[in-house]
Amino acid sequence: MSSLRILSLVLVSILFSAAAKADDRDDVLAANKAFAAAFSTRKIESMDPLWAHDGGVTIIHPRSKAVLLGWDAVRSSWVEGFSRAIEASLTMDNPAVSVTNNVGWVVGIEKVHGRLPNGEVLDSSLLATNVYEKRDGHWLMVHHHGSRMPQ
């Protein structure tokens, strides 16, 4: 095989690899936006399809005292959290997205707005990390961590 042909194959391979990574990055960002939209519905049925459903998923909420491990614990935490508010919305400012192989993560500042049944309004800014794993062509959340911003 000639050197020119090998060089051409290498360049084509690099171009396709870069395009795939750009697509994965966009797909991870889309999964993160879907997470924010699901949170804003306050319906577990919206959150269910976004997460991997296994014993390895984890979550740390701002009020958590320990890491919750496994889909059953993570799902229960969302059900309980959604029941506390009558209104909620979530956005992430300036998300930073990284992807390596089949793992992607997004870090940024989540803005949470909510209203409790007594009418109290809650507005919080959280330092957040969301980790996704690509499974069967879909980016599923495997970890969420939200911490209160230092005062």
C-alpha atoms as a PDB file:
ATOM      1  CA  MET A   1       0.000   0.000   0.000  1.00  0.00           C
ATOM      2  CA  SER A   2       1.430   3.382  -0.936  1.00  0.00           C
ATOM      3  CA  SER A   3       2.263   6.023   1.655  1.00  0.00           C
ATOM      4  CA  LEU A   4      -0.221   8.396   0.044  1.00  0.00           C
ATOM      5  CA  ARG A   5      -3.034   5.850   0.335  1.00  0.00           C
ATOM      6  CA  ILE A   6      -2.191   5.166   4.005  1.00  0.00           C
ATOM      7  CA  LEU A   7      -2.079   8.899   4.734  1.00  0.00           C
ATOM      8  CA  SER A   8      -5.457   9.352   3.033  1.00  0.00           C
ATOM      9  CA  LEU A   9      -7.009   6.560   5.111  1.00  0.00           C
ATOM     10  CA  VAL A  10      -5.591   8.032   8.319  1.00  0.00           C
ATOM     11  CA  LEU A  11      -6.941  11.506   7.495  1.00  0.00           C
ATOM     12  CA  VAL A  12     -10.404  10.147   6.659  1.00  0.00           C
ATOM     13  CA  SER A  13     -10.390   8.169   9.907  1.00  0.00           C
ATOM     14  CA  ILE A  14      -9.465  11.284  11.913  1.00  0.00           C
ATOM     15  CA  LEU A  15     -12.182  13.357  10.233  1.00  0.00           C
ATOM     16  CA  PHE A  16     -14.873  10.747  10.945  1.00  0.00           C
ATOM     17  CA  SER A  17     -13.671  10.380  14.539  1.00  0.00           C
ATOM     18  CA  ALA A  18     -13.855  14.148  15.127  1.00  0.00           C
ATOM     19  CA  ALA A  19     -17.352  14.283  13.609  1.00  0.00           C
ATOM     20  CA  ALA A  20     -18.524  11.422  15.843  1.00  0.00           C
ATOM     21  CA  LYS A  21     -17.141  13.162  18.936  1.00  0.00           C
ATOM     22  CA  ALA A  22     -18.884  16.416  17.976  1.00  0.00           C
ATOM     23  CA  ASP A  23     -22.157  14.500  17.541  1.00  0.00           C
ATOM     24  CA  ASP A  24     -21.679  12.784  20.915  1.00  0.00           C
ATOM     25  CA  ARG A  25     -21.015  16.138  22.564  1.00  0.00           C
ATOM     26  CA  ASP A  26     -24.230  17.543  21.064  1.00  0.00           C
ATOM     27  CA  ASP A  27     -26.129  14.414  22.127  1.00  0.00           C
ATOM     28  CA  VAL A  28     -24.855  14.678  25.717  1.00  0.00           C
ATOM     29  CA  LEU A  29     -25.900  18.333  25.817  1.00  0.00           C
ATOM     30  CA  ALA A  30     -29.336  17.324  24.468  1.00  0.00           C
ATOM     31  CA  ALA A  31     -29.614  14.652  27.202  1.00  0.00           C
ATOM     32  CA  ASN A  32     -28.750  17.297  29.779  1.00  0.00           C
ATOM     33  CA  LYS A  33     -31.452  19.635  28.424  1.00  0.00           C
ATOM     34  CA  ALA A  34     -33.926  16.734  28.550  1.00  0.00           C
ATOM     35  CA  PHE A  35     -32.989  16.232  32.217  1.00  0.00           C
ATOM     36  CA  ALA A  36     -33.750  19.901  32.974  1.00  0.00           C
ATOM     37  CA  ALA A  37     -37.063  19.649  31.116  1.00  0.00           C
ATOM     38  CA  ALA A  38     -38.007  16.454  32.992  1.00  0.00           C
ATOM     39  CA  PHE A  39     -37.169  18.086  36.330  1.00  0.00           C
ATOM     40  CA  SER A  40     -39.376  21.029  35.393  1.00  0.00           C
ATOM     41  CA  THR A  41     -42.389  18.752  34.809  1.00  0.00           C
ATOM     42  CA  ARG A  42     -42.110  17.344  38.377  1.00  0.00           C
ATOM     43  CA  LYS A  43     -43.284  13.995  36.946  1.00  0.00           C
ATOM     44  CA  ILE A  44     -41.304  10.851  37.557  1.00  0.00           C
ATOM     45  CA  GLU A  45     -42.580   9.469  34.241  1.00  0.00           C
ATOM     46  CA  SER A  46     -40.566  12.220  32.525  1.00  0.00           C
ATOM     47  CA  MET A  47     -37.418  11.384  34.506  1.00  0.00           C
ATOM     48  CA  ASP A  48     -37.600   7.568  34.197  1.00  0.00           C
ATOM     49  CA  PRO A  49     -36.422   7.192  30.570  1.00  0.00           C
ATOM     50  CA  LEU A  50     -33.435   9.510  31.075  1.00  0.00           C
ATOM     51  CA  TRP A  51     -31.662   7.357  33.672  1.00  0.00           C
ATOM     52  CA  ALA A  52     -29.940   3.997  33.522  1.00  0.00           C
ATOM     53  CA  HIS A  53     -31.994   1.598  35.664  1.00  0.00           C
ATOM     54  CA  ASP A  54     -29.359  -0.364  37.525  1.00  0.00           C
ATOM     55  CA  GLY A  55     -27.611  -0.665  40.851  1.00  0.00           C
ATOM     56  CA  GLY A  56     -24.670   1.517  39.843  1.00  0.00           C
ATOM     57  CA  VAL A  57     -26.434   4.857  39.342  1.00  0.00           C
ATOM     58  CA  THR A  58     -25.911   7.499  42.025  1.00  0.00           C
ATOM     59  CA  ILE A  59     -27.242  10.856  43.115  1.00  0.00           C
ATOM     60  CA  ILE A  60     -26.288  13.521  45.615  1.00  0.00           C
ATOM     61  CA  HIS A  61     -28.945  16.178  46.155  1.00  0.00           C
ATOM     62  CA  PRO A  62     -28.179  19.508  47.854  1.00  0.00           C
ATOM     63  CA  ARG A  63     -29.949  18.215  50.987  1.00  0.00           C
ATOM     64  CA  SER A  64     -28.391  14.734  50.851  1.00  0.00           C
ATOM     65  CA  LYS A  65     -26.488  13.435  53.836  1.00  0.00           C
ATOM     66  CA  ALA A  66     -25.187  10.440  51.890  1.00  0.00           C
ATOM     67  CA  VAL A  67     -24.782   9.202  48.337  1.00  0.00           C
ATOM     68  CA  LEU A  68     -27.927   7.420  47.139  1.00  0.00           C
ATOM     69  CA  LEU A  69     -26.955   4.270  45.257  1.00  0.00           C
ATOM     70  CA  GLY A  70     -29.046   2.309  42.769  1.00  0.00           C
ATOM     71  CA  TRP A  71     -31.997   3.163  40.571  1.00  0.00           C
ATOM     72  CA  ASP A  72     -34.631   2.388  43.217  1.00  0.00           C
ATOM     73  CA  ALA A  73     -33.062   4.853  45.695  1.00  0.00           C
ATOM     74  CA  VAL A  74     -32.474   7.492  43.007  1.00  0.00           C
ATOM     75  CA  ARG A  75     -36.019   7.177  41.680  1.00  0.00           C
ATOM     76  CA  SER A  76     -37.515   7.376  45.190  1.00  0.00           C
ATOM     77  CA  SER A  77     -35.533  10.545  45.851  1.00  0.00           C
ATOM     78  CA  TRP A  78     -37.048  12.178  42.765  1.00  0.00           C
ATOM     79  CA  VAL A  79     -40.573  11.088  43.693  1.00  0.00           C
ATOM     80  CA  GLU A  80     -40.122  12.549  47.187  1.00  0.00           C
ATOM     81  CA  GLY A  81     -38.539  15.755  45.892  1.00  0.00           C
ATOM     82  CA  PHE A  82     -41.210  16.327  43.252  1.00  0.00           C
ATOM     83  CA  SER A  83     -43.931  15.921  45.889  1.00  0.00           C
ATOM     84  CA  ARG A  84     -42.528  18.811  47.968  1.00  0.00           C
ATOM     85  CA  ALA A  85     -43.099  21.502  45.334  1.00  0.00           C
ATOM     86  CA  ILE A  86     -46.138  22.623  43.396  1.00  0.00           C
ATOM     87  CA  GLU A  87     -43.962  24.335  40.816  1.00  0.00           C
ATOM     88  CA  ALA A  88     -40.366  23.802  39.715  1.00  0.00           C
ATOM     89  CA  SER A  89     -38.001  24.708  36.932  1.00  0.00           C
ATOM     90  CA  LEU A  90     -34.366  23.974  36.221  1.00  0.00           C
ATOM     91  CA  THR A  91     -31.888  25.508  33.807  1.00  0.00           C
ATOM     92  CA  MET A  92     -28.107  25.225  33.538  1.00  0.00           C
ATOM     93  CA  ASP A  93     -26.019  28.256  32.684  1.00  0.00           C
ATOM     94  CA  ASN A  94     -23.005  27.773  30.436  1.00  0.00           C
ATOM     95  CA  PRO A  95     -22.776  23.983  30.587  1.00  0.00           C
ATOM     96  CA  ALA A  96     -19.315  22.565  29.969  1.00  0.00           C
ATOM     97  CA  VAL A  97     -19.574  19.246  28.119  1.00  0.00           C
ATOM     98  CA  SER A  98     -16.878  16.600  27.824  1.00  0.00           C
ATOM     99  CA  VAL A  99     -17.026  13.163  26.207  1.00  0.00           C
ATOM    100  CA  THR A 100     -14.583  10.288  26.355  1.00  0.00           C
ATOM    101  CA  ASN A 101     -15.589   7.080  24.606  1.00  0.00           C
ATOM    102  CA  ASN A 102     -19.032   6.126  25.989  1.00  0.00           C
ATOM    103  CA  VAL A 103     -19.003   8.497  28.988  1.00  0.00           C
ATOM    104  CA  GLY A 104     -20.023  12.143  28.899  1.00  0.00           C
ATOM    105  CA  TRP A 105     -20.304  14.678  31.661  1.00  0.00           C
ATOM    106  CA  VAL A 106     -21.729  18.142  32.010  1.00  0.00           C
ATOM    107  CA  VAL A 107     -20.765  20.632  34.686  1.00  0.00           C
ATOM    108  CA  GLY A 108     -22.271  24.031  35.315  1.00  0.00           C
ATOM    109  CA  ILE A 109     -24.456  26.121  37.545  1.00  0.00           C
ATOM    110  CA  GLU A 110     -28.042  24.931  37.795  1.00  0.00           C
ATOM    111  CA  LYS A 111     -30.667  27.541  38.513  1.00  0.00           C
ATOM    112  CA  VAL A 112     -33.577  26.017  40.402  1.00  0.00           C
ATOM    113  CA  HIS A 113     -36.858  27.855  40.929  1.00  0.00           C
ATOM    114  CA  GLY A 114     -39.699  26.373  42.897  1.00  0.00           C
ATOM    115  CA  ARG A 115     -42.808  27.121  44.868  1.00  0.00           C
ATOM    116  CA  LEU A 116     -43.918  25.152  47.911  1.00  0.00           C
ATOM    117  CA  PRO A 117     -47.536  24.357  48.804  1.00  0.00           C
ATOM    118  CA  ASN A 118     -47.482  27.165  51.424  1.00  0.00           C
ATOM    119  CA  GLY A 119     -46.605  29.674  48.673  1.00  0.00           C
ATOM    120  CA  GLU A 120     -42.961  30.058  49.670  1.00  0.00           C
ATOM    121  CA  VAL A 121     -40.738  30.675  46.652  1.00  0.00           C
ATOM    122  CA  LEU A 122     -37.357  28.994  46.454  1.00  0.00           C
ATOM    123  CA  ASP A 123     -34.563  30.143  44.170  1.00  0.00           C
ATOM    124  CA  SER A 124     -31.210  28.374  44.301  1.00  0.00           C
ATOM    125  CA  SER A 125     -27.998  28.231  42.352  1.00  0.00           C
ATOM    126  CA  LEU A 126     -26.293  24.851  42.515  1.00  0.00           C
ATOM    127  CA  LEU A 127     -22.898  23.626  41.399  1.00  0.00           C
ATOM    128  CA  ALA A 128     -23.854  20.587  39.352  1.00  0.00           C
ATOM    129  CA  THR A 129     -22.279  17.599  37.675  1.00  0.00           C
ATOM    130  CA  ASN A 130     -24.268  15.238  35.467  1.00  0.00           C
ATOM    131  CA  VAL A 131     -22.657  12.069  34.142  1.00  0.00           C
ATOM    132  CA  TYR A 132     -24.056  10.109  31.204  1.00  0.00           C
ATOM    133  CA  GLU A 133     -23.170   6.744  29.740  1.00  0.00           C
ATOM    134  CA  LYS A 134     -23.930   5.776  26.165  1.00  0.00           C
ATOM    135  CA  ARG A 135     -25.880   2.520  26.204  1.00  0.00           C
ATOM    136  CA  ASP A 136     -27.401   1.003  23.086  1.00  0.00           C
ATOM    137  CA  GLY A 137     -26.993   4.338  21.306  1.00  0.00           C
ATOM    138  CA  HIS A 138     -28.679   6.412  24.049  1.00  0.00           C
ATOM    139  CA  TRP A 139     -27.027   8.736  26.549  1.00  0.00           C
ATOM    140  CA  LEU A 140     -28.439   7.787  29.956  1.00  0.00           C
ATOM    141  CA  MET A 141     -27.752   9.563  33.218  1.00  0.00           C
ATOM    142  CA  VAL A 142     -25.736   7.512  35.685  1.00  0.00           C
ATOM    143  CA  HIS A 143     -24.912  10.249  38.217  1.00  0.00           C
ATOM    144  CA  HIS A 144     -26.239  13.629  39.306  1.00  0.00           C
ATOM    145  CA  HIS A 145     -24.648  15.824  41.932  1.00  0.00           C
ATOM    146  CA  GLY A 146     -26.000  19.216  42.958  1.00  0.00           C
ATOM    147  CA  SER A 147     -24.370  21.231  45.734  1.00  0.00           C
ATOM    148  CA  ARG A 148     -25.377  24.585  47.132  1.00  0.00           C
ATOM    149  CA  MET A 149     -23.144  27.487  46.141  1.00  0.00           C
ATOM    150  CA  PRO A 150     -21.003  28.865  48.966  1.00  0.00           C
ATOM    151  CA  GLN A 151     -22.458  31.986  50.524  1.00  0.00           C
END
